[in-house]
Amino acid sequence: MANHHTIVGFKIRGIRESKNLSIEEISERSGLSADQIASIENDQYLPSLGPLIKIARALGVRLGTFLDDSDELGPVICRAEERERDLSISFSNGSAEARKNMVYHSLARQKAGRSMEPFIIDIQPSEEKDFKLSAHEGEEFIFVMEGEVEISYGKETYVLRKGDSIFYDSIVEHHVHGHEGKQARILAVVYIPF
Protein backbone atom coordinates (compact mmCIF):
# COMPACT_ATOMS: atom_id res chain seq x y z
CA MET A 1 0.00 0.00 0.00
CA ALA A 2 1.45 3.40 -0.99
CA ASN A 3 1.57 6.28 1.45
CA HIS A 4 0.30 9.75 0.57
CA HIS A 5 3.86 11.06 0.37
CA THR A 6 4.39 8.74 -2.59
CA ILE A 7 0.97 9.53 -4.04
CA VAL A 8 1.60 13.31 -3.97
CA GLY A 9 4.95 13.08 -5.78
CA PHE A 10 3.50 10.60 -8.26
CA LYS A 11 0.46 12.81 -8.95
CA ILE A 12 2.58 15.94 -9.44
CA ARG A 13 4.80 14.15 -11.94
CA GLY A 14 1.79 12.60 -13.72
CA ILE A 15 -0.01 15.93 -14.09
CA ARG A 16 3.17 17.69 -15.23
CA GLU A 17 3.90 15.00 -17.82
CA SER A 18 0.26 14.91 -19.03
CA LYS A 19 0.53 18.64 -19.74
CA ASN A 20 3.88 18.13 -21.50
CA LEU A 21 5.65 20.45 -19.08
CA SER A 22 9.27 20.10 -18.00
CA ILE A 23 10.48 20.47 -14.45
CA GLU A 24 12.24 23.65 -15.60
CA GLU A 25 8.94 25.11 -16.86
CA ILE A 26 7.24 24.36 -13.53
CA SER A 27 10.25 25.87 -11.76
CA GLU A 28 9.92 29.08 -13.78
CA ARG A 29 6.14 29.28 -13.25
CA SER A 30 6.27 28.49 -9.52
CA GLY A 31 9.44 30.27 -8.44
CA LEU A 32 10.74 27.03 -6.90
CA SER A 33 14.05 25.50 -7.91
CA ALA A 34 14.11 22.62 -10.38
CA ASP A 35 15.97 20.54 -7.78
CA GLN A 36 13.22 21.19 -5.22
CA ILE A 37 10.51 20.11 -7.66
CA ALA A 38 12.47 17.00 -8.67
CA SER A 39 12.97 16.01 -5.02
CA ILE A 40 9.23 16.35 -4.40
CA GLU A 41 8.38 14.24 -7.46
CA ASN A 42 10.97 11.64 -6.44
CA ASP A 43 9.60 11.41 -2.88
CA GLN A 44 12.78 12.73 -1.27
CA TYR A 45 10.67 15.14 0.78
CA LEU A 46 7.23 16.69 0.95
CA PRO A 47 7.32 20.44 1.61
CA SER A 48 4.97 22.67 3.54
CA LEU A 49 1.72 23.76 1.92
CA GLY A 50 3.23 26.94 0.41
CA PRO A 51 5.40 25.20 -2.22
CA LEU A 52 2.66 22.67 -2.98
CA ILE A 53 0.25 25.53 -3.65
CA LYS A 54 2.81 27.14 -5.99
CA ILE A 55 3.19 23.85 -7.87
CA ALA A 56 -0.59 23.45 -8.09
CA ARG A 57 -0.92 26.95 -9.57
CA ALA A 58 1.94 26.31 -12.00
CA LEU A 59 0.15 23.16 -13.17
CA GLY A 60 -3.25 24.88 -13.32
CA VAL A 61 -4.88 22.56 -10.76
CA ARG A 62 -6.21 23.00 -7.24
CA LEU A 63 -4.18 21.80 -4.26
CA GLY A 64 -6.71 19.06 -3.51
CA THR A 65 -5.84 17.36 -6.80
CA PHE A 66 -2.64 16.09 -5.15
CA LEU A 67 -4.59 14.58 -2.23
CA ASP A 68 -7.68 13.16 -3.94
CA ASP A 69 -8.43 9.47 -4.20
CA SER A 70 -11.59 10.10 -6.24
CA ASP A 71 -13.99 12.95 -6.86
CA GLU A 72 -17.39 13.07 -5.14
CA LEU A 73 -19.88 15.66 -6.37
CA GLY A 74 -22.22 15.47 -3.37
CA PRO A 75 -21.39 15.91 0.29
CA VAL A 76 -18.42 14.04 1.72
CA ILE A 77 -18.62 12.55 5.20
CA CYS A 78 -15.43 11.77 7.06
CA ARG A 79 -16.07 9.47 10.02
CA ALA A 80 -13.69 9.72 12.98
CA GLU A 81 -12.80 6.03 12.92
CA GLU A 82 -12.08 6.18 9.18
CA ARG A 83 -9.93 9.31 9.52
CA GLU A 84 -7.82 7.76 12.28
CA ARG A 85 -7.01 4.63 10.29
CA ASP A 86 -6.82 6.44 6.94
CA LEU A 87 -3.51 7.31 5.39
CA SER A 88 -2.12 10.69 6.39
CA ILE A 89 0.39 13.12 4.94
CA SER A 90 3.50 14.41 6.69
CA PHE A 91 4.97 17.76 5.75
CA SER A 92 8.46 18.97 6.58
CA ASN A 93 9.45 22.48 7.61
CA GLY A 94 10.75 23.33 4.16
CA SER A 95 14.15 21.73 3.62
CA ALA A 96 14.97 18.23 2.51
CA GLU A 97 16.87 17.65 5.75
CA ALA A 98 14.07 18.88 8.05
CA ARG A 99 12.32 16.28 10.13
CA LYS A 100 8.65 15.87 9.51
CA ASN A 101 6.72 17.73 12.18
CA MET A 102 3.11 17.83 11.00
CA VAL A 103 0.81 14.95 10.10
CA TYR A 104 -2.21 16.05 8.06
CA HIS A 105 -5.47 14.08 8.06
CA SER A 106 -7.60 15.33 5.17
CA LEU A 107 -11.29 15.76 5.96
CA ALA A 108 -12.49 16.19 2.38
CA ARG A 109 -10.19 14.19 0.16
CA GLN A 110 -12.93 12.97 -2.17
CA LYS A 111 -14.81 16.28 -2.56
CA ALA A 112 -14.63 17.50 -6.15
CA GLY A 113 -14.05 21.15 -7.02
CA ARG A 114 -13.36 22.35 -3.50
CA SER A 115 -11.66 25.66 -2.70
CA MET A 116 -11.21 24.87 0.99
CA GLU A 117 -8.89 22.20 2.38
CA PRO A 118 -9.96 21.07 5.88
CA PHE A 119 -7.46 19.06 7.92
CA ILE A 120 -6.95 17.67 11.39
CA ILE A 121 -3.22 18.24 11.96
CA ASP A 122 -1.13 16.46 14.55
CA ILE A 123 1.86 18.64 15.38
CA GLN A 124 4.75 16.51 16.55
CA PRO A 125 7.19 17.61 19.27
CA SER A 126 10.20 19.44 17.85
CA GLU A 127 13.31 21.04 19.30
CA GLU A 128 13.69 23.28 16.25
CA LYS A 129 13.67 27.00 17.04
CA ASP A 130 14.50 28.56 13.66
CA PHE A 131 11.36 27.95 11.60
CA LYS A 132 11.22 28.86 7.92
CA LEU A 133 8.13 30.99 7.33
CA SER A 134 6.15 30.59 4.11
CA ALA A 135 3.36 32.46 2.37
CA HIS A 136 0.75 31.63 -0.25
CA GLU A 137 -2.48 33.09 -1.56
CA GLY A 138 -5.62 32.57 0.45
CA GLU A 139 -6.73 32.40 4.05
CA GLU A 140 -6.31 29.98 6.93
CA PHE A 141 -8.42 29.18 9.97
CA ILE A 142 -6.95 27.24 12.89
CA PHE A 143 -8.77 25.89 15.95
CA VAL A 144 -6.68 24.30 18.72
CA MET A 145 -8.12 20.93 19.75
CA GLU A 146 -5.32 19.77 22.08
CA GLY A 147 -2.13 21.29 23.48
CA GLU A 148 -0.79 24.73 22.63
CA VAL A 149 0.42 26.10 19.30
CA GLU A 150 2.60 29.01 18.41
CA ILE A 151 1.97 30.90 15.20
CA SER A 152 4.66 33.11 13.74
CA TYR A 153 2.80 35.61 11.55
CA GLY A 154 4.85 38.34 9.92
CA LYS A 155 6.77 39.94 12.78
CA GLU A 156 4.26 38.83 15.42
CA THR A 157 4.01 35.61 17.43
CA TYR A 158 0.75 34.28 18.87
CA VAL A 159 0.29 31.45 21.38
CA LEU A 160 -3.06 29.65 21.23
CA ARG A 161 -4.36 27.18 23.77
CA LYS A 162 -7.05 24.51 23.58
CA GLY A 163 -10.30 26.13 22.40
CA ASP A 164 -8.57 29.18 20.88
CA SER A 165 -8.69 29.96 17.17
CA ILE A 166 -7.08 32.28 14.65
CA PHE A 167 -8.07 33.37 11.14
CA TYR A 168 -5.47 35.06 8.94
CA ASP A 169 -4.46 36.00 5.42
CA SER A 170 -1.88 33.44 4.36
CA ILE A 171 -0.17 35.87 1.95
CA VAL A 172 1.70 37.07 5.06
CA GLU A 173 4.65 34.82 5.89
CA HIS A 174 3.71 32.42 8.67
CA HIS A 175 4.54 29.17 10.43
CA VAL A 176 2.52 26.98 12.80
CA HIS A 177 4.27 24.77 15.37
CA GLY A 178 3.85 23.37 18.86
CA HIS A 179 4.41 25.93 21.63
CA GLU A 180 7.73 25.26 23.39
CA GLY A 181 8.31 22.32 21.07
CA LYS A 182 5.43 20.27 22.46
CA GLN A 183 2.86 18.30 20.51
CA ALA A 184 -0.60 19.63 19.70
CA ARG A 185 -3.63 18.87 17.54
CA ILE A 186 -5.47 21.45 15.45
CA LEU A 187 -8.33 21.73 13.02
CA ALA A 188 -7.12 23.80 10.07
CA VAL A 189 -9.07 25.03 7.06
CA VAL A 190 -7.04 26.46 4.21
CA TYR A 191 -8.84 28.51 1.55
CA ILE A 192 -7.00 28.87 -1.73
CA PRO A 193 -8.60 30.95 -4.49
CA PHE A 194 -8.41 29.14 -7.81
C-alpha atoms as a PDB file:
ATOM      1  CA  MET A   1       0.000   0.000   0.000  1.00  0.00           C
ATOM      2  CA  ALA A   2       1.453   3.400  -0.988  1.00  0.00           C
ATOM      3  CA  ASN A   3       1.567   6.283   1.452  1.00  0.00           C
ATOM      4  CA  HIS A   4       0.298   9.747   0.572  1.00  0.00           C
ATOM      5  CA  HIS A   5       3.857  11.061   0.370  1.00  0.00           C
ATOM      6  CA  THR A   6       4.391   8.736  -2.589  1.00  0.00           C
ATOM      7  CA  ILE A   7       0.971   9.535  -4.039  1.00  0.00           C
ATOM      8  CA  VAL A   8       1.598  13.314  -3.971  1.00  0.00           C
ATOM      9  CA  GLY A   9       4.946  13.081  -5.777  1.00  0.00           C
ATOM     10  CA  PHE A  10       3.499  10.602  -8.265  1.00  0.00           C
ATOM     11  CA  LYS A  11       0.463  12.815  -8.953  1.00  0.00           C
ATOM     12  CA  ILE A  12       2.578  15.937  -9.443  1.00  0.00           C
ATOM     13  CA  ARG A  13       4.799  14.153 -11.942  1.00  0.00           C
ATOM     14  CA  GLY A  14       1.789  12.601 -13.720  1.00  0.00           C
ATOM     15  CA  ILE A  15      -0.009  15.932 -14.086  1.00  0.00           C
ATOM     16  CA  ARG A  16       3.172  17.687 -15.230  1.00  0.00           C
ATOM     17  CA  GLU A  17       3.896  14.997 -17.825  1.00  0.00           C
ATOM     18  CA  SER A  18       0.261  14.908 -19.033  1.00  0.00           C
ATOM     19  CA  LYS A  19       0.535  18.641 -19.740  1.00  0.00           C
ATOM     20  CA  ASN A  20       3.884  18.131 -21.501  1.00  0.00           C
ATOM     21  CA  LEU A  21       5.653  20.454 -19.075  1.00  0.00           C
ATOM     22  CA  SER A  22       9.265  20.102 -18.004  1.00  0.00           C
ATOM     23  CA  ILE A  23      10.482  20.468 -14.451  1.00  0.00           C
ATOM     24  CA  GLU A  24      12.236  23.648 -15.600  1.00  0.00           C
ATOM     25  CA  GLU A  25       8.942  25.111 -16.856  1.00  0.00           C
ATOM     26  CA  ILE A  26       7.245  24.362 -13.531  1.00  0.00           C
ATOM     27  CA  SER A  27      10.252  25.874 -11.762  1.00  0.00           C
ATOM     28  CA  GLU A  28       9.920  29.078 -13.780  1.00  0.00           C
ATOM     29  CA  ARG A  29       6.144  29.283 -13.249  1.00  0.00           C
ATOM     30  CA  SER A  30       6.273  28.493  -9.516  1.00  0.00           C
ATOM     31  CA  GLY A  31       9.437  30.269  -8.436  1.00  0.00           C
ATOM     32  CA  LEU A  32      10.735  27.029  -6.898  1.00  0.00           C
ATOM     33  CA  SER A  33      14.052  25.498  -7.905  1.00  0.00           C
ATOM     34  CA  ALA A  34      14.107  22.622 -10.380  1.00  0.00           C
ATOM     35  CA  ASP A  35      15.971  20.543  -7.780  1.00  0.00           C
ATOM     36  CA  GLN A  36      13.220  21.185  -5.215  1.00  0.00           C
ATOM     37  CA  ILE A  37      10.506  20.110  -7.660  1.00  0.00           C
ATOM     38  CA  ALA A  38      12.468  17.004  -8.672  1.00  0.00           C
ATOM     39  CA  SER A  39      12.971  16.013  -5.023  1.00  0.00           C
ATOM     40  CA  ILE A  40       9.228  16.353  -4.397  1.00  0.00           C
ATOM     41  CA  GLU A  41       8.382  14.241  -7.463  1.00  0.00           C
ATOM     42  CA  ASN A  42      10.974  11.639  -6.436  1.00  0.00           C
ATOM     43  CA  ASP A  43       9.603  11.411  -2.881  1.00  0.00           C
ATOM     44  CA  GLN A  44      12.780  12.734  -1.267  1.00  0.00           C
ATOM     45  CA  TYR A  45      10.674  15.145   0.781  1.00  0.00           C
ATOM     46  CA  LEU A  46       7.232  16.690   0.949  1.00  0.00           C
ATOM     47  CA  PRO A  47       7.318  20.440   1.606  1.00  0.00           C
ATOM     48  CA  SER A  48       4.972  22.668   3.539  1.00  0.00           C
ATOM     49  CA  LEU A  49       1.717  23.761   1.921  1.00  0.00           C
ATOM     50  CA  GLY A  50       3.232  26.944   0.412  1.00  0.00           C
ATOM     51  CA  PRO A  51       5.404  25.199  -2.216  1.00  0.00           C
ATOM     52  CA  LEU A  52       2.656  22.671  -2.981  1.00  0.00           C
ATOM     53  CA  ILE A  53       0.249  25.529  -3.650  1.00  0.00           C
ATOM     54  CA  LYS A  54       2.813  27.139  -5.989  1.00  0.00           C
ATOM     55  CA  ILE A  55       3.192  23.851  -7.868  1.00  0.00           C
ATOM     56  CA  ALA A  56      -0.595  23.445  -8.086  1.00  0.00           C
ATOM     57  CA  ARG A  57      -0.923  26.951  -9.565  1.00  0.00           C
ATOM     58  CA  ALA A  58       1.942  26.311 -11.997  1.00  0.00           C
ATOM     59  CA  LEU A  59       0.148  23.160 -13.166  1.00  0.00           C
ATOM     60  CA  GLY A  60      -3.255  24.878 -13.316  1.00  0.00           C
ATOM     61  CA  VAL A  61      -4.883  22.557 -10.764  1.00  0.00           C
ATOM     62  CA  ARG A  62      -6.213  23.001  -7.243  1.00  0.00           C
ATOM     63  CA  LEU A  63      -4.183  21.798  -4.263  1.00  0.00           C
ATOM     64  CA  GLY A  64      -6.711  19.062  -3.505  1.00  0.00           C
ATOM     65  CA  THR A  65      -5.842  17.358  -6.800  1.00  0.00           C
ATOM     66  CA  PHE A  66      -2.645  16.086  -5.152  1.00  0.00           C
ATOM     67  CA  LEU A  67      -4.585  14.580  -2.231  1.00  0.00           C
ATOM     68  CA  ASP A  68      -7.678  13.159  -3.938  1.00  0.00           C
ATOM     69  CA  ASP A  69      -8.433   9.467  -4.203  1.00  0.00           C
ATOM     70  CA  SER A  70     -11.595  10.096  -6.238  1.00  0.00           C
ATOM     71  CA  ASP A  71     -13.990  12.951  -6.864  1.00  0.00           C
ATOM     72  CA  GLU A  72     -17.387  13.074  -5.144  1.00  0.00           C
ATOM     73  CA  LEU A  73     -19.880  15.656  -6.375  1.00  0.00           C
ATOM     74  CA  GLY A  74     -22.220  15.468  -3.374  1.00  0.00           C
ATOM     75  CA  PRO A  75     -21.387  15.908   0.288  1.00  0.00           C
ATOM     76  CA  VAL A  76     -18.419  14.036   1.716  1.00  0.00           C
ATOM     77  CA  ILE A  77     -18.618  12.554   5.199  1.00  0.00           C
ATOM     78  CA  CYS A  78     -15.429  11.765   7.058  1.00  0.00           C
ATOM     79  CA  ARG A  79     -16.071   9.467  10.018  1.00  0.00           C
ATOM     80  CA  ALA A  80     -13.689   9.721  12.981  1.00  0.00           C
ATOM     81  CA  GLU A  81     -12.797   6.032  12.922  1.00  0.00           C
ATOM     82  CA  GLU A  82     -12.077   6.181   9.176  1.00  0.00           C
ATOM     83  CA  ARG A  83      -9.932   9.307   9.518  1.00  0.00           C
ATOM     84  CA  GLU A  84      -7.824   7.757  12.279  1.00  0.00           C
ATOM     85  CA  ARG A  85      -7.014   4.628  10.288  1.00  0.00           C
ATOM     86  CA  ASP A  86      -6.819   6.439   6.945  1.00  0.00           C
ATOM     87  CA  LEU A  87      -3.507   7.315   5.394  1.00  0.00           C
ATOM     88  CA  SER A  88      -2.118  10.695   6.393  1.00  0.00           C
ATOM     89  CA  ILE A  89       0.394  13.118   4.942  1.00  0.00           C
ATOM     90  CA  SER A  90       3.498  14.413   6.693  1.00  0.00           C
ATOM     91  CA  PHE A  91       4.975  17.761   5.749  1.00  0.00           C
ATOM     92  CA  SER A  92       8.462  18.971   6.579  1.00  0.00           C
ATOM     93  CA  ASN A  93       9.455  22.480   7.610  1.00  0.00           C
ATOM     94  CA  GLY A  94      10.748  23.328   4.160  1.00  0.00           C
ATOM     95  CA  SER A  95      14.146  21.725   3.623  1.00  0.00           C
ATOM     96  CA  ALA A  96      14.970  18.233   2.510  1.00  0.00           C
ATOM     97  CA  GLU A  97      16.871  17.654   5.752  1.00  0.00           C
ATOM     98  CA  ALA A  98      14.072  18.883   8.046  1.00  0.00           C
ATOM     99  CA  ARG A  99      12.320  16.282  10.135  1.00  0.00           C
ATOM    100  CA  LYS A 100       8.649  15.871   9.512  1.00  0.00           C
ATOM    101  CA  ASN A 101       6.717  17.735  12.180  1.00  0.00           C
ATOM    102  CA  MET A 102       3.105  17.828  11.002  1.00  0.00           C
ATOM    103  CA  VAL A 103       0.813  14.949  10.103  1.00  0.00           C
ATOM    104  CA  TYR A 104      -2.212  16.051   8.060  1.00  0.00           C
ATOM    105  CA  HIS A 105      -5.472  14.080   8.060  1.00  0.00           C
ATOM    106  CA  SER A 106      -7.597  15.329   5.169  1.00  0.00           C
ATOM    107  CA  LEU A 107     -11.289  15.762   5.962  1.00  0.00           C
ATOM    108  CA  ALA A 108     -12.494  16.187   2.376  1.00  0.00           C
ATOM    109  CA  ARG A 109     -10.185  14.190   0.158  1.00  0.00           C
ATOM    110  CA  GLN A 110     -12.928  12.973  -2.174  1.00  0.00           C
ATOM    111  CA  LYS A 111     -14.809  16.281  -2.561  1.00  0.00           C
ATOM    112  CA  ALA A 112     -14.635  17.497  -6.155  1.00  0.00           C
ATOM    113  CA  GLY A 113     -14.046  21.146  -7.021  1.00  0.00           C
ATOM    114  CA  ARG A 114     -13.365  22.353  -3.503  1.00  0.00           C
ATOM    115  CA  SER A 115     -11.659  25.657  -2.702  1.00  0.00           C
ATOM    116  CA  MET A 116     -11.215  24.869   0.988  1.00  0.00           C
ATOM    117  CA  GLU A 117      -8.893  22.196   2.383  1.00  0.00           C
ATOM    118  CA  PRO A 118      -9.959  21.071   5.880  1.00  0.00           C
ATOM    119  CA  PHE A 119      -7.461  19.060   7.925  1.00  0.00           C
ATOM    120  CA  ILE A 120      -6.947  17.673  11.391  1.00  0.00           C
ATOM    121  CA  ILE A 121      -3.222  18.241  11.960  1.00  0.00           C
ATOM    122  CA  ASP A 122      -1.126  16.457  14.555  1.00  0.00           C
ATOM    123  CA  ILE A 123       1.861  18.644  15.384  1.00  0.00           C
ATOM    124  CA  GLN A 124       4.753  16.507  16.555  1.00  0.00           C
ATOM    125  CA  PRO A 125       7.192  17.610  19.270  1.00  0.00           C
ATOM    126  CA  SER A 126      10.203  19.443  17.851  1.00  0.00           C
ATOM    127  CA  GLU A 127      13.309  21.038  19.295  1.00  0.00           C
ATOM    128  CA  GLU A 128      13.692  23.281  16.254  1.00  0.00           C
ATOM    129  CA  LYS A 129      13.667  27.003  17.044  1.00  0.00           C
ATOM    130  CA  ASP A 130      14.497  28.559  13.665  1.00  0.00           C
ATOM    131  CA  PHE A 131      11.361  27.955  11.598  1.00  0.00           C
ATOM    132  CA  LYS A 132      11.222  28.858   7.923  1.00  0.00           C
ATOM    133  CA  LEU A 133       8.131  30.992   7.331  1.00  0.00           C
ATOM    134  CA  SER A 134       6.150  30.588   4.111  1.00  0.00           C
ATOM    135  CA  ALA A 135       3.364  32.460   2.371  1.00  0.00           C
ATOM    136  CA  HIS A 136       0.748  31.629  -0.246  1.00  0.00           C
ATOM    137  CA  GLU A 137      -2.480  33.089  -1.563  1.00  0.00           C
ATOM    138  CA  GLY A 138      -5.622  32.570   0.452  1.00  0.00           C
ATOM    139  CA  GLU A 139      -6.735  32.404   4.045  1.00  0.00           C
ATOM    140  CA  GLU A 140      -6.307  29.976   6.931  1.00  0.00           C
ATOM    141  CA  PHE A 141      -8.422  29.185   9.967  1.00  0.00           C
ATOM    142  CA  ILE A 142      -6.952  27.237  12.891  1.00  0.00           C
ATOM    143  CA  PHE A 143      -8.774  25.889  15.946  1.00  0.00           C
ATOM    144  CA  VAL A 144      -6.679  24.297  18.716  1.00  0.00           C
ATOM    145  CA  MET A 145      -8.118  20.931  19.753  1.00  0.00           C
ATOM    146  CA  GLU A 146      -5.317  19.772  22.076  1.00  0.00           C
ATOM    147  CA  GLY A 147      -2.135  21.294  23.483  1.00  0.00           C
ATOM    148  CA  GLU A 148      -0.792  24.734  22.631  1.00  0.00           C
ATOM    149  CA  VAL A 149       0.425  26.103  19.305  1.00  0.00           C
ATOM    150  CA  GLU A 150       2.601  29.013  18.409  1.00  0.00           C
ATOM    151  CA  ILE A 151       1.969  30.903  15.200  1.00  0.00           C
ATOM    152  CA  SER A 152       4.657  33.108  13.738  1.00  0.00           C
ATOM    153  CA  TYR A 153       2.805  35.610  11.551  1.00  0.00           C
ATOM    154  CA  GLY A 154       4.850  38.336   9.921  1.00  0.00           C
ATOM    155  CA  LYS A 155       6.766  39.939  12.778  1.00  0.00           C
ATOM    156  CA  GLU A 156       4.263  38.831  15.423  1.00  0.00           C
ATOM    157  CA  THR A 157       4.013  35.611  17.430  1.00  0.00           C
ATOM    158  CA  TYR A 158       0.754  34.277  18.875  1.00  0.00           C
ATOM    159  CA  VAL A 159       0.285  31.453  21.384  1.00  0.00           C
ATOM    160  CA  LEU A 160      -3.058  29.651  21.229  1.00  0.00           C
ATOM    161  CA  ARG A 161      -4.361  27.178  23.775  1.00  0.00           C
ATOM    162  CA  LYS A 162      -7.053  24.510  23.582  1.00  0.00           C
ATOM    163  CA  GLY A 163     -10.297  26.129  22.399  1.00  0.00           C
ATOM    164  CA  ASP A 164      -8.569  29.184  20.880  1.00  0.00           C
ATOM    165  CA  SER A 165      -8.688  29.958  17.168  1.00  0.00           C
ATOM    166  CA  ILE A 166      -7.083  32.284  14.647  1.00  0.00           C
ATOM    167  CA  PHE A 167      -8.071  33.374  11.142  1.00  0.00           C
ATOM    168  CA  TYR A 168      -5.467  35.061   8.943  1.00  0.00           C
ATOM    169  CA  ASP A 169      -4.459  35.997   5.421  1.00  0.00           C
ATOM    170  CA  SER A 170      -1.878  33.443   4.355  1.00  0.00           C
ATOM    171  CA  ILE A 171      -0.173  35.866   1.948  1.00  0.00           C
ATOM    172  CA  VAL A 172       1.697  37.073   5.062  1.00  0.00           C
ATOM    173  CA  GLU A 173       4.650  34.816   5.888  1.00  0.00           C
ATOM    174  CA  HIS A 174       3.707  32.420   8.674  1.00  0.00           C
ATOM    175  CA  HIS A 175       4.537  29.169  10.433  1.00  0.00           C
ATOM    176  CA  VAL A 176       2.525  26.978  12.804  1.00  0.00           C
ATOM    177  CA  HIS A 177       4.265  24.773  15.369  1.00  0.00           C
ATOM    178  CA  GLY A 178       3.845  23.372  18.856  1.00  0.00           C
ATOM    179  CA  HIS A 179       4.410  25.925  21.628  1.00  0.00           C
ATOM    180  CA  GLU A 180       7.727  25.262  23.388  1.00  0.00           C
ATOM    181  CA  GLY A 181       8.315  22.321  21.068  1.00  0.00           C
ATOM    182  CA  LYS A 182       5.428  20.274  22.461  1.00  0.00           C
ATOM    183  CA  GLN A 183       2.857  18.299  20.512  1.00  0.00           C
ATOM    184  CA  ALA A 184      -0.598  19.632  19.702  1.00  0.00           C
ATOM    185  CA  ARG A 185      -3.628  18.868  17.537  1.00  0.00           C
ATOM    186  CA  ILE A 186      -5.474  21.453  15.455  1.00  0.00           C
ATOM    187  CA  LEU A 187      -8.335  21.732  13.023  1.00  0.00           C
ATOM    188  CA  ALA A 188      -7.120  23.798  10.068  1.00  0.00           C
ATOM    189  CA  VAL A 189      -9.066  25.032   7.062  1.00  0.00           C
ATOM    190  CA  VAL A 190      -7.040  26.462   4.209  1.00  0.00           C
ATOM    191  CA  TYR A 191      -8.838  28.512   1.548  1.00  0.00           C
ATOM    192  CA  ILE A 192      -7.004  28.869  -1.730  1.00  0.00           C
ATOM    193  CA  PRO A 193      -8.602  30.951  -4.495  1.00  0.00           C
ATOM    194  CA  PHE A 194      -8.406  29.140  -7.809  1.00  0.00           C
END
